[in-house]
Amino acid sequence: MATKILVAQTRLFKNVFVCKNCNAKMRADPKKIADGTIRCRKCKKRAFKTIRKK
């Protein structure tokens, strides 16, 4: 049972970032987010934060 929860946690939260402007979720490599090469699909900004676990 614990492995299913761990697998779900990685699927939902690994490499998922949220745009600070429009709250759109994107999955990307953290290195590319830090470099600023990834842009938001909706608003074309480069400001992202990690998704928050509840």
C-alpha atoms as a PDB file:
ATOM      1  CA  MET A   1       0.000   0.000   0.000  1.00  0.00           C
ATOM      2  CA  ALA A   2       2.802   2.420   0.811  1.00  0.00           C
ATOM      3  CA  THR A   3       4.359   1.945  -2.625  1.00  0.00           C
ATOM      4  CA  LYS A   4       1.144   3.030  -4.335  1.00  0.00           C
ATOM      5  CA  ILE A   5       1.089   6.215  -2.325  1.00  0.00           C
ATOM      6  CA  LEU A   6       4.750   6.880  -3.086  1.00  0.00           C
ATOM      7  CA  VAL A   7       4.168   6.343  -6.797  1.00  0.00           C
ATOM      8  CA  ALA A   8       1.202   8.696  -6.739  1.00  0.00           C
ATOM      9  CA  GLN A   9       3.226  11.340  -4.882  1.00  0.00           C
ATOM     10  CA  THR A  10       5.981  11.267  -7.494  1.00  0.00           C
ATOM     11  CA  ARG A  11       3.486  11.417 -10.351  1.00  0.00           C
ATOM     12  CA  LEU A  12       1.631  14.393  -8.909  1.00  0.00           C
ATOM     13  CA  PHE A  13       4.492  16.482  -7.534  1.00  0.00           C
ATOM     14  CA  LYS A  14       7.772  15.589  -9.293  1.00  0.00           C
ATOM     15  CA  ASN A  15       8.936  18.248 -11.773  1.00  0.00           C
ATOM     16  CA  VAL A  16       5.609  20.124 -11.577  1.00  0.00           C
ATOM     17  CA  PHE A  17       5.742  23.910 -11.372  1.00  0.00           C
ATOM     18  CA  VAL A  18       3.067  26.604 -11.117  1.00  0.00           C
ATOM     19  CA  CYS A  19       3.158  29.934 -12.902  1.00  0.00           C
ATOM     20  CA  LYS A  20       3.217  32.816 -10.437  1.00  0.00           C
ATOM     21  CA  ASN A  21       1.143  35.004 -12.747  1.00  0.00           C
ATOM     22  CA  CYS A  22      -1.704  32.793 -14.018  1.00  0.00           C
ATOM     23  CA  ASN A  23      -1.409  29.642 -11.820  1.00  0.00           C
ATOM     24  CA  ALA A  24      -1.014  27.308 -14.797  1.00  0.00           C
ATOM     25  CA  LYS A  25       0.658  23.983 -13.985  1.00  0.00           C
ATOM     26  CA  MET A  26       3.590  22.825 -16.097  1.00  0.00           C
ATOM     27  CA  ARG A  27       5.844  19.806 -15.940  1.00  0.00           C
ATOM     28  CA  ALA A  28       9.469  20.625 -16.723  1.00  0.00           C
ATOM     29  CA  ASP A  29      13.042  19.947 -15.710  1.00  0.00           C
ATOM     30  CA  PRO A  30      14.013  21.981 -12.625  1.00  0.00           C
ATOM     31  CA  LYS A  31      17.296  23.002 -14.241  1.00  0.00           C
ATOM     32  CA  LYS A  32      15.457  24.556 -17.184  1.00  0.00           C
ATOM     33  CA  ILE A  33      13.132  26.407 -14.804  1.00  0.00           C
ATOM     34  CA  ALA A  34      16.133  27.796 -12.893  1.00  0.00           C
ATOM     35  CA  ASP A  35      17.850  28.840 -16.136  1.00  0.00           C
ATOM     36  CA  GLY A  36      14.700  30.607 -17.324  1.00  0.00           C
ATOM     37  CA  THR A  37      14.402  28.753 -20.629  1.00  0.00           C
ATOM     38  CA  ILE A  38      10.845  27.567 -19.947  1.00  0.00           C
ATOM     39  CA  ARG A  39       7.949  29.950 -20.555  1.00  0.00           C
ATOM     40  CA  CYS A  40       4.335  29.650 -19.476  1.00  0.00           C
ATOM     41  CA  ARG A  41       1.915  28.371 -22.118  1.00  0.00           C
ATOM     42  CA  LYS A  42      -0.799  30.858 -21.180  1.00  0.00           C
ATOM     43  CA  CYS A  43       0.882  34.135 -20.264  1.00  0.00           C
ATOM     44  CA  LYS A  44       4.430  33.646 -21.642  1.00  0.00           C
ATOM     45  CA  LYS A  45       6.092  34.657 -18.353  1.00  0.00           C
ATOM     46  CA  ARG A  46       9.114  32.906 -16.841  1.00  0.00           C
ATOM     47  CA  ALA A  47       8.173  33.104 -13.152  1.00  0.00           C
ATOM     48  CA  PHE A  48       7.484  29.670 -11.645  1.00  0.00           C
ATOM     49  CA  LYS A  49       7.234  28.137  -8.189  1.00  0.00           C
ATOM     50  CA  THR A  50       7.092  24.525  -7.091  1.00  0.00           C
ATOM     51  CA  ILE A  51       3.693  22.962  -6.540  1.00  0.00           C
ATOM     52  CA  ARG A  52       2.714  22.831  -2.878  1.00  0.00           C
ATOM     53  CA  LYS A  53       1.909  19.500  -1.239  1.00  0.00           C
ATOM     54  CA  LYS A  54      -1.245  19.577   0.808  1.00  0.00           C
END
